Amino acid sequence: MMPKATSKKQQMAAGAALSAKRGERGKSSLKGASKSMYESMSKEELKRMAGTKRKNKPTKK
């Protein structure tokens, strides 16, 4: 089972990593969590995590 984001920050980091995987932004622009997600997760995993709804999620966990 692929992960779902548990916070808004996690969802946003996954979105940044996904856009870098797609080539829409530079890999060098990533920092912290988004950089490690880029290196360790597949495009499909990132897509699922980035697609998580943000409503009723805490800002950070």
C-alpha atoms as a PDB file:
ATOM      1  CA  MET A   1       0.000   0.000   0.000  1.00  0.00           C
ATOM      2  CA  MET A   2       1.350   3.393  -0.961  1.00  0.00           C
ATOM      3  CA  PRO A   3       1.502   6.142   1.680  1.00  0.00           C
ATOM      4  CA  LYS A   4      -0.856   9.069   2.111  1.00  0.00           C
ATOM      5  CA  ALA A   5       0.293  12.403   3.487  1.00  0.00           C
ATOM      6  CA  THR A   6      -0.480  12.909   7.169  1.00  0.00           C
ATOM      7  CA  SER A   7       0.081  16.689   7.192  1.00  0.00           C
ATOM      8  CA  LYS A   8      -0.062  19.711   4.881  1.00  0.00           C
ATOM      9  CA  LYS A   9       3.722  20.116   4.984  1.00  0.00           C
ATOM     10  CA  GLN A  10       4.250  16.479   3.995  1.00  0.00           C
ATOM     11  CA  GLN A  11       1.793  16.827   1.109  1.00  0.00           C
ATOM     12  CA  MET A  12       3.522  19.978  -0.127  1.00  0.00           C
ATOM     13  CA  ALA A  13       6.979  18.356   0.089  1.00  0.00           C
ATOM     14  CA  ALA A  14       5.713  15.407  -1.939  1.00  0.00           C
ATOM     15  CA  GLY A  15       4.352  17.804  -4.561  1.00  0.00           C
ATOM     16  CA  ALA A  16       7.733  19.529  -4.855  1.00  0.00           C
ATOM     17  CA  ALA A  17       9.542  16.192  -5.193  1.00  0.00           C
ATOM     18  CA  LEU A  18       7.029  15.017  -7.798  1.00  0.00           C
ATOM     19  CA  SER A  19       7.485  18.143  -9.917  1.00  0.00           C
ATOM     20  CA  ALA A  20      11.263  17.589  -9.821  1.00  0.00           C
ATOM     21  CA  LYS A  21      10.799  13.937 -10.893  1.00  0.00           C
ATOM     22  CA  ARG A  22       8.688  15.157 -13.815  1.00  0.00           C
ATOM     23  CA  GLY A  23      11.380  17.652 -14.787  1.00  0.00           C
ATOM     24  CA  GLU A  24       9.193  20.688 -14.091  1.00  0.00           C
ATOM     25  CA  ARG A  25      11.693  22.082 -11.563  1.00  0.00           C
ATOM     26  CA  GLY A  26      15.348  21.555 -10.845  1.00  0.00           C
ATOM     27  CA  LYS A  27      16.470  18.805  -8.493  1.00  0.00           C
ATOM     28  CA  SER A  28      18.880  21.303  -6.926  1.00  0.00           C
ATOM     29  CA  SER A  29      15.932  23.437  -5.724  1.00  0.00           C
ATOM     30  CA  LEU A  30      14.818  20.677  -3.327  1.00  0.00           C
ATOM     31  CA  LYS A  31      15.734  20.774   0.372  1.00  0.00           C
ATOM     32  CA  GLY A  32      15.048  18.652   3.427  1.00  0.00           C
ATOM     33  CA  ALA A  33      12.064  16.316   3.240  1.00  0.00           C
ATOM     34  CA  SER A  34      11.325  16.924  -0.433  1.00  0.00           C
ATOM     35  CA  LYS A  35      14.928  16.054  -1.359  1.00  0.00           C
ATOM     36  CA  SER A  36      14.840  12.765   0.537  1.00  0.00           C
ATOM     37  CA  MET A  37      11.401  11.942  -0.917  1.00  0.00           C
ATOM     38  CA  TYR A  38      12.773  12.595  -4.420  1.00  0.00           C
ATOM     39  CA  GLU A  39      15.601  10.136  -3.849  1.00  0.00           C
ATOM     40  CA  SER A  40      13.698   7.390  -2.051  1.00  0.00           C
ATOM     41  CA  MET A  41      10.190   7.310  -3.558  1.00  0.00           C
ATOM     42  CA  SER A  42       8.827   6.357  -6.968  1.00  0.00           C
ATOM     43  CA  LYS A  43       6.764   8.692  -9.129  1.00  0.00           C
ATOM     44  CA  GLU A  44       3.594   6.722  -8.292  1.00  0.00           C
ATOM     45  CA  GLU A  45       4.215   6.942  -4.530  1.00  0.00           C
ATOM     46  CA  LEU A  46       4.831  10.683  -4.791  1.00  0.00           C
ATOM     47  CA  LYS A  47       1.713  11.140  -6.917  1.00  0.00           C
ATOM     48  CA  ARG A  48      -0.428   9.428  -4.283  1.00  0.00           C
ATOM     49  CA  MET A  49       1.099  11.401  -1.419  1.00  0.00           C
ATOM     50  CA  ALA A  50       0.913  14.742  -3.248  1.00  0.00           C
ATOM     51  CA  GLY A  51      -2.695  14.050  -4.261  1.00  0.00           C
ATOM     52  CA  THR A  52      -3.878  13.702  -0.662  1.00  0.00           C
ATOM     53  CA  LYS A  53      -6.552  16.268   0.231  1.00  0.00           C
ATOM     54  CA  ARG A  54      -5.292  18.958   2.622  1.00  0.00           C
ATOM     55  CA  LYS A  55      -8.624  19.743   4.225  1.00  0.00           C
ATOM     56  CA  ASN A  56      -8.735  18.830   7.936  1.00  0.00           C
ATOM     57  CA  LYS A  57      -5.023  17.928   7.999  1.00  0.00           C
ATOM     58  CA  PRO A  58      -2.712  19.445  10.620  1.00  0.00           C
ATOM     59  CA  THR A  59      -0.078  21.855   9.279  1.00  0.00           C
ATOM     60  CA  LYS A  60       2.662  19.612  10.609  1.00  0.00           C
ATOM     61  CA  LYS A  61       2.786  16.358  12.490  1.00  0.00           C
END
